[in-house]
């Protein structure tokens, strides 16, 4: 073989090897170079997703498969929506059953729950707040939303249902206050068909939940990340920003309403990925 031919063979071999390496990374990541991005010397964390009021774990349905496609173990336990003094101990017990590192993610009221449930568990490596409360010690949801433009406090937004000497609160479809009810208060930006399903299947929040004070916040000792929906009508963006800055969170924003986990799941996954990469 001539020297020229030998050089040509070497060049083709080198190009082929490079192409195969890129292809393997691409295919292994479902079309993205996720294998390279998520390389870590430690074990991958379990991603725990906690839903908020007027919802259930199915609100994470567009986030869960994206995380699973990236090789994560994902769980979305039920949140009973009774108040942090009841819901946080339940979640804390659930977390004790998970071996290895945990990234704890919350939407909306779920932020109260993870803030309190994470404090005694050294396996929780990161807190991620999605359009969420990040309360300080002694704060209640009413403290945080009182006097704000939150549509939840607008006239006619909530339908009370007496139960066990207390009240369960549902969101009305329409309200007479500053915003319409469920459609534009809670689900603005969600397609009409999905909105109707969400309304039909909403789970109630206990009225006592809004005056139940938060305990020592997990974000004091655990690094946190946050995604702020700039069109959120439930927890106004300025209120979210104030809480996230106080917590020292790494803040991202997205043009979305309160349900960015449904309308912008890719943005939610990116924030969770950032927390994983920084803490494992």
C-alpha atoms as a PDB file:
ATOM      1  CA  UNK A   1       0.000   0.000   0.000  1.00  0.00           C
ATOM      2  CA  UNK A   2       1.337   3.433  -0.916  1.00  0.00           C
ATOM      3  CA  UNK A   3       2.039   6.100   1.690  1.00  0.00           C
ATOM      4  CA  UNK A   4      -0.837   8.189   0.298  1.00  0.00           C
ATOM      5  CA  UNK A   5      -3.260   5.269   0.624  1.00  0.00           C
ATOM      6  CA  UNK A   6      -2.094   4.589   4.198  1.00  0.00           C
ATOM      7  CA  UNK A   7      -2.779   8.203   5.199  1.00  0.00           C
ATOM      8  CA  UNK A   8      -6.255   7.996   3.662  1.00  0.00           C
ATOM      9  CA  UNK A   9      -7.106   4.805   5.584  1.00  0.00           C
ATOM     10  CA  UNK A  10      -5.954   6.382   8.852  1.00  0.00           C
ATOM     11  CA  UNK A  11      -8.070   9.482   8.221  1.00  0.00           C
ATOM     12  CA  UNK A  12     -11.196   7.451   7.429  1.00  0.00           C
ATOM     13  CA  UNK A  13     -10.658   5.289  10.527  1.00  0.00           C
ATOM     14  CA  UNK A  14     -10.334   8.345  12.767  1.00  0.00           C
ATOM     15  CA  UNK A  15     -13.464   9.966  11.320  1.00  0.00           C
ATOM     16  CA  UNK A  16     -15.445   6.748  11.667  1.00  0.00           C
ATOM     17  CA  UNK A  17     -14.440   6.341  15.331  1.00  0.00           C
ATOM     18  CA  UNK A  18     -15.457   9.925  16.100  1.00  0.00           C
ATOM     19  CA  UNK A  19     -18.796   9.459  14.356  1.00  0.00           C
ATOM     20  CA  UNK A  20     -19.540   6.236  16.256  1.00  0.00           C
ATOM     21  CA  UNK A  21     -18.752   7.912  19.609  1.00  0.00           C
ATOM     22  CA  UNK A  22     -21.062  10.855  18.889  1.00  0.00           C
ATOM     23  CA  UNK A  23     -23.810   8.527  17.673  1.00  0.00           C
ATOM     24  CA  UNK A  24     -23.631   6.385  20.805  1.00  0.00           C
ATOM     25  CA  UNK A  25     -23.943   9.412  23.084  1.00  0.00           C
ATOM     26  CA  UNK A  26     -26.824  10.790  20.991  1.00  0.00           C
ATOM     27  CA  UNK A  27     -28.786   7.544  20.803  1.00  0.00           C
ATOM     28  CA  UNK A  28     -28.157   6.671  24.455  1.00  0.00           C
ATOM     29  CA  UNK A  29     -29.622  10.027  25.479  1.00  0.00           C
ATOM     30  CA  UNK A  30     -32.786   9.695  23.409  1.00  0.00           C
ATOM     31  CA  UNK A  31     -31.532  12.195  20.839  1.00  0.00           C
ATOM     32  CA  UNK A  32     -29.595  14.325  23.311  1.00  0.00           C
ATOM     33  CA  UNK A  33     -26.088  14.061  24.711  1.00  0.00           C
ATOM     34  CA  UNK A  34     -27.469  13.327  28.168  1.00  0.00           C
ATOM     35  CA  UNK A  35     -25.015  10.534  28.919  1.00  0.00           C
ATOM     36  CA  UNK A  36     -22.175  13.038  28.841  1.00  0.00           C
ATOM     37  CA  UNK A  37     -24.087  15.674  30.812  1.00  0.00           C
ATOM     38  CA  UNK A  38     -25.129  13.331  33.597  1.00  0.00           C
ATOM     39  CA  UNK A  39     -21.824  11.514  34.093  1.00  0.00           C
ATOM     40  CA  UNK A  40     -21.152  11.392  37.837  1.00  0.00           C
ATOM     41  CA  UNK A  41     -18.931   9.448  40.174  1.00  0.00           C
ATOM     42  CA  UNK A  42     -21.763   9.051  42.706  1.00  0.00           C
ATOM     43  CA  UNK A  43     -25.127   7.275  42.541  1.00  0.00           C
ATOM     44  CA  UNK A  44     -27.962   8.992  40.726  1.00  0.00           C
ATOM     45  CA  UNK A  45     -30.561  10.486  43.026  1.00  0.00           C
ATOM     46  CA  UNK A  46     -34.173   9.458  43.236  1.00  0.00           C
ATOM     47  CA  UNK A  47     -36.353  12.347  42.057  1.00  0.00           C
ATOM     48  CA  UNK A  48     -39.318  12.845  44.401  1.00  0.00           C
ATOM     49  CA  UNK A  49     -42.124  15.011  42.999  1.00  0.00           C
ATOM     50  CA  UNK A  50     -44.679  16.566  45.365  1.00  0.00           C
ATOM     51  CA  UNK A  51     -47.885  18.073  43.978  1.00  0.00           C
ATOM     52  CA  UNK A  52     -49.838  21.009  45.338  1.00  0.00           C
ATOM     53  CA  UNK A  53     -53.429  22.074  45.993  1.00  0.00           C
ATOM     54  CA  UNK A  54     -56.321  21.290  43.632  1.00  0.00           C
ATOM     55  CA  UNK A  55     -54.210  18.614  41.968  1.00  0.00           C
ATOM     56  CA  UNK A  56     -52.793  15.125  42.415  1.00  0.00           C
ATOM     57  CA  UNK A  57     -49.648  13.297  41.328  1.00  0.00           C
ATOM     58  CA  UNK A  58     -50.903  13.130  37.733  1.00  0.00           C
ATOM     59  CA  UNK A  59     -50.015  16.822  37.415  1.00  0.00           C
ATOM     60  CA  UNK A  60     -46.434  15.554  36.918  1.00  0.00           C
ATOM     61  CA  UNK A  61     -47.404  13.285  33.990  1.00  0.00           C
ATOM     62  CA  UNK A  62     -45.499  15.360  31.420  1.00  0.00           C
ATOM     63  CA  UNK A  63     -42.398  15.641  33.612  1.00  0.00           C
ATOM     64  CA  UNK A  64     -42.069  12.033  34.800  1.00  0.00           C
ATOM     65  CA  UNK A  65     -41.417  10.328  31.425  1.00  0.00           C
ATOM     66  CA  UNK A  66     -38.826  12.956  30.495  1.00  0.00           C
ATOM     67  CA  UNK A  67     -36.917  12.198  33.687  1.00  0.00           C
ATOM     68  CA  UNK A  68     -37.327   8.438  33.263  1.00  0.00           C
ATOM     69  CA  UNK A  69     -36.014   8.670  29.703  1.00  0.00           C
ATOM     70  CA  UNK A  70     -32.862  10.154  31.213  1.00  0.00           C
ATOM     71  CA  UNK A  71     -32.419   7.151  33.487  1.00  0.00           C
ATOM     72  CA  UNK A  72     -33.762   8.566  36.743  1.00  0.00           C
ATOM     73  CA  UNK A  73     -35.865   6.741  39.303  1.00  0.00           C
ATOM     74  CA  UNK A  74     -38.901   8.979  39.838  1.00  0.00           C
ATOM     75  CA  UNK A  75     -41.664   8.784  42.444  1.00  0.00           C
ATOM     76  CA  UNK A  76     -44.639  11.086  43.002  1.00  0.00           C
ATOM     77  CA  UNK A  77     -46.222  10.262  46.371  1.00  0.00           C
ATOM     78  CA  UNK A  78     -49.652  11.582  47.339  1.00  0.00           C
ATOM     79  CA  UNK A  79     -49.948  14.858  49.216  1.00  0.00           C
ATOM     80  CA  UNK A  80     -53.016  14.913  51.470  1.00  0.00           C
ATOM     81  CA  UNK A  81     -53.304  18.727  51.390  1.00  0.00           C
ATOM     82  CA  UNK A  82     -54.210  19.017  55.072  1.00  0.00           C
ATOM     83  CA  UNK A  83     -51.454  21.439  56.115  1.00  0.00           C
ATOM     84  CA  UNK A  84     -47.686  21.304  56.672  1.00  0.00           C
ATOM     85  CA  UNK A  85     -48.042  19.989  60.254  1.00  0.00           C
ATOM     86  CA  UNK A  86     -49.705  16.841  58.844  1.00  0.00           C
ATOM     87  CA  UNK A  87     -48.356  16.558  55.320  1.00  0.00           C
ATOM     88  CA  UNK A  88     -44.660  17.139  56.080  1.00  0.00           C
ATOM     89  CA  UNK A  89     -44.331  14.296  58.632  1.00  0.00           C
ATOM     90  CA  UNK A  90     -45.992  11.916  56.186  1.00  0.00           C
ATOM     91  CA  UNK A  91     -43.573  12.882  53.412  1.00  0.00           C
ATOM     92  CA  UNK A  92     -40.625  12.696  55.820  1.00  0.00           C
ATOM     93  CA  UNK A  93     -41.572   9.106  56.655  1.00  0.00           C
ATOM     94  CA  UNK A  94     -41.894   8.282  52.978  1.00  0.00           C
ATOM     95  CA  UNK A  95     -38.454   9.719  52.269  1.00  0.00           C
ATOM     96  CA  UNK A  96     -36.952   7.435  54.917  1.00  0.00           C
ATOM     97  CA  UNK A  97     -37.900   4.468  52.726  1.00  0.00           C
ATOM     98  CA  UNK A  98     -35.712   5.698  49.832  1.00  0.00           C
ATOM     99  CA  UNK A  99     -32.069   4.613  49.881  1.00  0.00           C
ATOM    100  CA  UNK A 100     -29.390   6.926  48.535  1.00  0.00           C
ATOM    101  CA  UNK A 101     -29.513  10.577  47.488  1.00  0.00           C
ATOM    102  CA  UNK A 102     -32.782  12.411  46.868  1.00  0.00           C
ATOM    103  CA  UNK A 103     -33.685  15.512  44.895  1.00  0.00           C
ATOM    104  CA  UNK A 104     -36.959  16.797  46.311  1.00  0.00           C
ATOM    105  CA  UNK A 105     -39.204  18.770  43.956  1.00  0.00           C
ATOM    106  CA  UNK A 106     -42.425  20.624  44.767  1.00  0.00           C
ATOM    107  CA  UNK A 107     -45.166  22.493  42.986  1.00  0.00           C
ATOM    108  CA  UNK A 108     -47.253  25.225  44.638  1.00  0.00           C
ATOM    109  CA  UNK A 109     -48.354  24.314  48.199  1.00  0.00           C
ATOM    110  CA  UNK A 110     -46.023  21.313  47.942  1.00  0.00           C
ATOM    111  CA  UNK A 111     -43.261  23.812  48.694  1.00  0.00           C
ATOM    112  CA  UNK A 112     -44.529  24.051  52.271  1.00  0.00           C
ATOM    113  CA  UNK A 113     -44.354  20.291  52.541  1.00  0.00           C
ATOM    114  CA  UNK A 114     -40.830  19.753  51.196  1.00  0.00           C
ATOM    115  CA  UNK A 115     -39.458  22.745  53.117  1.00  0.00           C
ATOM    116  CA  UNK A 116     -40.484  21.040  56.352  1.00  0.00           C
ATOM    117  CA  UNK A 117     -40.020  17.366  55.416  1.00  0.00           C
ATOM    118  CA  UNK A 118     -36.399  17.672  54.287  1.00  0.00           C
ATOM    119  CA  UNK A 119     -34.823  19.064  57.442  1.00  0.00           C
ATOM    120  CA  UNK A 120     -33.984  15.785  59.219  1.00  0.00           C
ATOM    121  CA  UNK A 121     -32.952  13.717  56.198  1.00  0.00           C
ATOM    122  CA  UNK A 122     -29.289  13.915  55.142  1.00  0.00           C
ATOM    123  CA  UNK A 123     -30.093  12.073  51.907  1.00  0.00           C
ATOM    124  CA  UNK A 124     -31.948  15.112  50.549  1.00  0.00           C
ATOM    125  CA  UNK A 125     -29.296  16.820  48.443  1.00  0.00           C
ATOM    126  CA  UNK A 126     -31.383  19.513  46.744  1.00  0.00           C
ATOM    127  CA  UNK A 127     -34.759  21.231  46.951  1.00  0.00           C
ATOM    128  CA  UNK A 128     -36.457  22.352  43.735  1.00  0.00           C
ATOM    129  CA  UNK A 129     -39.392  24.778  43.831  1.00  0.00           C
ATOM    130  CA  UNK A 130     -41.685  24.958  40.769  1.00  0.00           C
ATOM    131  CA  UNK A 131     -44.152  27.898  40.889  1.00  0.00           C
ATOM    132  CA  UNK A 132     -44.048  27.206  44.584  1.00  0.00           C
ATOM    133  CA  UNK A 133     -44.059  28.469  48.136  1.00  0.00           C
ATOM    134  CA  UNK A 134     -40.696  28.508  49.910  1.00  0.00           C
ATOM    135  CA  UNK A 135     -41.799  29.585  53.394  1.00  0.00           C
ATOM    136  CA  UNK A 136     -39.708  30.735  56.301  1.00  0.00           C
ATOM    137  CA  UNK A 137     -40.228  29.581  59.879  1.00  0.00           C
ATOM    138  CA  UNK A 138     -43.562  30.664  61.319  1.00  0.00           C
ATOM    139  CA  UNK A 139     -45.048  31.774  57.992  1.00  0.00           C
ATOM    140  CA  UNK A 140     -48.440  30.620  56.741  1.00  0.00           C
ATOM    141  CA  UNK A 141     -49.857  30.585  53.240  1.00  0.00           C
ATOM    142  CA  UNK A 142     -52.245  33.344  54.300  1.00  0.00           C
ATOM    143  CA  UNK A 143     -49.299  35.447  55.514  1.00  0.00           C
ATOM    144  CA  UNK A 144     -47.598  35.060  52.137  1.00  0.00           C
ATOM    145  CA  UNK A 145     -50.640  35.665  49.899  1.00  0.00           C
ATOM    146  CA  UNK A 146     -52.499  38.183  52.047  1.00  0.00           C
ATOM    147  CA  UNK A 147     -52.596  41.594  50.424  1.00  0.00           C
ATOM    148  CA  UNK A 148     -51.234  40.325  47.109  1.00  0.00           C
ATOM    149  CA  UNK A 149     -52.916  40.021  43.707  1.00  0.00           C
ATOM    150  CA  UNK A 150     -53.329  36.246  44.091  1.00  0.00           C
ATOM    151  CA  UNK A 151     -56.473  35.076  42.337  1.00  0.00           C
ATOM    152  CA  UNK A 152     -57.031  32.486  45.079  1.00  0.00           C
ATOM    153  CA  UNK A 153     -58.031  35.256  47.472  1.00  0.00           C
ATOM    154  CA  UNK A 154     -60.373  36.929  44.935  1.00  0.00           C
ATOM    155  CA  UNK A 155     -64.081  37.063  45.664  1.00  0.00           C
ATOM    156  CA  UNK A 156     -65.878  33.884  44.683  1.00  0.00           C
ATOM    157  CA  UNK A 157     -62.758  31.950  43.738  1.00  0.00           C
ATOM    158  CA  UNK A 158     -63.227  29.237  46.362  1.00  0.00           C
ATOM    159  CA  UNK A 159     -66.126  26.912  47.130  1.00  0.00           C
ATOM    160  CA  UNK A 160     -66.149  25.774  50.790  1.00  0.00           C
ATOM    161  CA  UNK A 161     -67.410  22.284  51.636  1.00  0.00           C
ATOM    162  CA  UNK A 162     -67.941  21.486  55.359  1.00  0.00           C
ATOM    163  CA  UNK A 163     -66.159  18.323  56.525  1.00  0.00           C
ATOM    164  CA  UNK A 164     -65.297  16.962  59.991  1.00  0.00           C
ATOM    165  CA  UNK A 165     -65.883  20.285  61.684  1.00  0.00           C
ATOM    166  CA  UNK A 166     -63.694  22.120  59.186  1.00  0.00           C
ATOM    167  CA  UNK A 167     -63.815  23.197  55.571  1.00  0.00           C
ATOM    168  CA  UNK A 168     -62.437  21.784  52.353  1.00  0.00           C
ATOM    169  CA  UNK A 169     -61.855  24.368  49.630  1.00  0.00           C
ATOM    170  CA  UNK A 170     -62.375  23.783  45.912  1.00  0.00           C
ATOM    171  CA  UNK A 171     -61.745  26.262  43.110  1.00  0.00           C
ATOM    172  CA  UNK A 172     -64.861  27.423  41.286  1.00  0.00           C
ATOM    173  CA  UNK A 173     -64.871  27.290  37.485  1.00  0.00           C
ATOM    174  CA  UNK A 174     -65.659  30.999  37.357  1.00  0.00           C
ATOM    175  CA  UNK A 175     -65.381  33.695  40.012  1.00  0.00           C
ATOM    176  CA  UNK A 176     -66.508  37.282  40.357  1.00  0.00           C
ATOM    177  CA  UNK A 177     -63.187  38.721  41.456  1.00  0.00           C
ATOM    178  CA  UNK A 178     -60.234  40.161  39.561  1.00  0.00           C
ATOM    179  CA  UNK A 179     -59.670  36.908  37.651  1.00  0.00           C
ATOM    180  CA  UNK A 180     -62.038  34.202  36.458  1.00  0.00           C
ATOM    181  CA  UNK A 181     -61.921  31.006  38.499  1.00  0.00           C
ATOM    182  CA  UNK A 182     -60.170  27.745  37.764  1.00  0.00           C
ATOM    183  CA  UNK A 183     -59.603  28.487  34.069  1.00  0.00           C
ATOM    184  CA  UNK A 184     -57.593  31.689  34.394  1.00  0.00           C
ATOM    185  CA  UNK A 185     -56.635  31.584  38.034  1.00  0.00           C
ATOM    186  CA  UNK A 186     -55.135  28.123  38.296  1.00  0.00           C
ATOM    187  CA  UNK A 187     -54.861  26.836  34.737  1.00  0.00           C
ATOM    188  CA  UNK A 188     -54.075  29.877  32.589  1.00  0.00           C
ATOM    189  CA  UNK A 189     -52.072  28.740  29.587  1.00  0.00           C
ATOM    190  CA  UNK A 190     -53.353  25.160  29.714  1.00  0.00           C
ATOM    191  CA  UNK A 191     -55.313  23.902  26.708  1.00  0.00           C
ATOM    192  CA  UNK A 192     -59.130  23.858  27.202  1.00  0.00           C
ATOM    193  CA  UNK A 193     -59.549  20.073  27.143  1.00  0.00           C
ATOM    194  CA  UNK A 194     -56.861  19.467  29.765  1.00  0.00           C
ATOM    195  CA  UNK A 195     -58.256  22.322  31.857  1.00  0.00           C
ATOM    196  CA  UNK A 196     -61.694  20.682  31.964  1.00  0.00           C
ATOM    197  CA  UNK A 197     -60.163  17.391  33.105  1.00  0.00           C
ATOM    198  CA  UNK A 198     -58.085  19.124  35.773  1.00  0.00           C
ATOM    199  CA  UNK A 199     -61.168  20.950  37.052  1.00  0.00           C
ATOM    200  CA  UNK A 200     -63.214  17.745  37.196  1.00  0.00           C
ATOM    201  CA  UNK A 201     -60.508  15.855  39.122  1.00  0.00           C
ATOM    202  CA  UNK A 202     -59.256  18.596  41.465  1.00  0.00           C
ATOM    203  CA  UNK A 203     -58.517  17.586  45.049  1.00  0.00           C
ATOM    204  CA  UNK A 204     -59.527  20.014  47.806  1.00  0.00           C
ATOM    205  CA  UNK A 205     -57.239  21.955  50.089  1.00  0.00           C
ATOM    206  CA  UNK A 206     -58.083  22.097  53.776  1.00  0.00           C
ATOM    207  CA  UNK A 207     -58.959  25.627  54.879  1.00  0.00           C
ATOM    208  CA  UNK A 208     -56.835  24.983  57.986  1.00  0.00           C
ATOM    209  CA  UNK A 209     -53.840  24.576  55.687  1.00  0.00           C
ATOM    210  CA  UNK A 210     -53.731  28.324  55.068  1.00  0.00           C
ATOM    211  CA  UNK A 211     -53.169  29.185  58.730  1.00  0.00           C
ATOM    212  CA  UNK A 212     -50.848  26.275  59.586  1.00  0.00           C
ATOM    213  CA  UNK A 213     -47.376  27.766  60.268  1.00  0.00           C
ATOM    214  CA  UNK A 214     -44.248  26.413  58.643  1.00  0.00           C
ATOM    215  CA  UNK A 215     -41.353  25.071  60.697  1.00  0.00           C
ATOM    216  CA  UNK A 216     -37.588  25.380  60.344  1.00  0.00           C
ATOM    217  CA  UNK A 217     -36.964  25.632  56.582  1.00  0.00           C
ATOM    218  CA  UNK A 218     -34.930  22.960  54.850  1.00  0.00           C
ATOM    219  CA  UNK A 219     -33.484  25.563  52.488  1.00  0.00           C
ATOM    220  CA  UNK A 220     -31.388  26.946  55.336  1.00  0.00           C
ATOM    221  CA  UNK A 221     -29.058  23.950  55.048  1.00  0.00           C
ATOM    222  CA  UNK A 222     -29.948  22.344  51.688  1.00  0.00           C
ATOM    223  CA  UNK A 223     -29.152  24.016  48.341  1.00  0.00           C
ATOM    224  CA  UNK A 224     -32.234  25.018  46.375  1.00  0.00           C
ATOM    225  CA  UNK A 225     -33.342  25.753  42.826  1.00  0.00           C
ATOM    226  CA  UNK A 226     -36.507  27.462  41.613  1.00  0.00           C
ATOM    227  CA  UNK A 227     -38.538  27.962  38.461  1.00  0.00           C
ATOM    228  CA  UNK A 228     -40.654  31.124  38.450  1.00  0.00           C
ATOM    229  CA  UNK A 229     -43.677  31.367  36.158  1.00  0.00           C
ATOM    230  CA  UNK A 230     -43.855  34.951  34.965  1.00  0.00           C
ATOM    231  CA  UNK A 231     -47.623  34.679  34.290  1.00  0.00           C
ATOM    232  CA  UNK A 232     -48.541  32.933  37.558  1.00  0.00           C
ATOM    233  CA  UNK A 233     -51.842  34.202  39.000  1.00  0.00           C
ATOM    234  CA  UNK A 234     -51.861  31.961  42.082  1.00  0.00           C
ATOM    235  CA  UNK A 235     -48.485  32.876  43.599  1.00  0.00           C
ATOM    236  CA  UNK A 236     -47.617  36.255  42.042  1.00  0.00           C
ATOM    237  CA  UNK A 237     -44.159  36.306  40.400  1.00  0.00           C
ATOM    238  CA  UNK A 238     -42.901  39.069  42.699  1.00  0.00           C
ATOM    239  CA  UNK A 239     -43.883  36.988  45.731  1.00  0.00           C
ATOM    240  CA  UNK A 240     -42.124  33.929  44.322  1.00  0.00           C
ATOM    241  CA  UNK A 241     -38.994  35.928  43.597  1.00  0.00           C
ATOM    242  CA  UNK A 242     -38.875  37.324  47.130  1.00  0.00           C
ATOM    243  CA  UNK A 243     -39.162  33.844  48.662  1.00  0.00           C
ATOM    244  CA  UNK A 244     -36.600  32.298  46.303  1.00  0.00           C
ATOM    245  CA  UNK A 245     -34.054  35.053  46.878  1.00  0.00           C
ATOM    246  CA  UNK A 246     -34.479  34.736  50.633  1.00  0.00           C
ATOM    247  CA  UNK A 247     -33.828  31.003  50.329  1.00  0.00           C
ATOM    248  CA  UNK A 248     -30.692  31.608  48.277  1.00  0.00           C
ATOM    249  CA  UNK A 249     -32.151  29.565  45.413  1.00  0.00           C
ATOM    250  CA  UNK A 250     -30.766  29.362  41.895  1.00  0.00           C
ATOM    251  CA  UNK A 251     -33.656  31.048  40.075  1.00  0.00           C
ATOM    252  CA  UNK A 252     -34.830  30.460  36.506  1.00  0.00           C
ATOM    253  CA  UNK A 253     -37.942  31.915  34.915  1.00  0.00           C
ATOM    254  CA  UNK A 254     -40.343  30.711  32.253  1.00  0.00           C
ATOM    255  CA  UNK A 255     -43.190  32.387  30.415  1.00  0.00           C
ATOM    256  CA  UNK A 256     -45.983  30.314  31.913  1.00  0.00           C
ATOM    257  CA  UNK A 257     -48.834  30.385  34.378  1.00  0.00           C
ATOM    258  CA  UNK A 258     -49.077  28.440  37.613  1.00  0.00           C
ATOM    259  CA  UNK A 259     -48.971  25.056  35.862  1.00  0.00           C
ATOM    260  CA  UNK A 260     -45.617  25.192  34.106  1.00  0.00           C
ATOM    261  CA  UNK A 261     -45.185  21.532  34.985  1.00  0.00           C
ATOM    262  CA  UNK A 262     -47.981  20.894  32.452  1.00  0.00           C
ATOM    263  CA  UNK A 263     -47.398  23.657  29.900  1.00  0.00           C
ATOM    264  CA  UNK A 264     -43.587  23.828  30.016  1.00  0.00           C
ATOM    265  CA  UNK A 265     -42.355  20.432  31.263  1.00  0.00           C
ATOM    266  CA  UNK A 266     -39.018  20.700  29.437  1.00  0.00           C
ATOM    267  CA  UNK A 267     -38.207  23.858  31.407  1.00  0.00           C
ATOM    268  CA  UNK A 268     -39.084  22.060  34.641  1.00  0.00           C
ATOM    269  CA  UNK A 269     -36.810  19.148  33.740  1.00  0.00           C
ATOM    270  CA  UNK A 270     -33.931  21.518  32.959  1.00  0.00           C
ATOM    271  CA  UNK A 271     -34.103  23.013  36.445  1.00  0.00           C
ATOM    272  CA  UNK A 272     -34.222  19.563  38.042  1.00  0.00           C
ATOM    273  CA  UNK A 273     -31.238  18.513  35.903  1.00  0.00           C
ATOM    274  CA  UNK A 274     -29.324  21.558  37.117  1.00  0.00           C
ATOM    275  CA  UNK A 275     -29.949  20.575  40.725  1.00  0.00           C
ATOM    276  CA  UNK A 276     -28.843  16.995  40.040  1.00  0.00           C
ATOM    277  CA  UNK A 277     -25.659  18.022  38.270  1.00  0.00           C
ATOM    278  CA  UNK A 278     -24.666  20.465  40.990  1.00  0.00           C
ATOM    279  CA  UNK A 279     -25.231  18.119  43.935  1.00  0.00           C
ATOM    280  CA  UNK A 280     -24.305  14.579  42.806  1.00  0.00           C
END
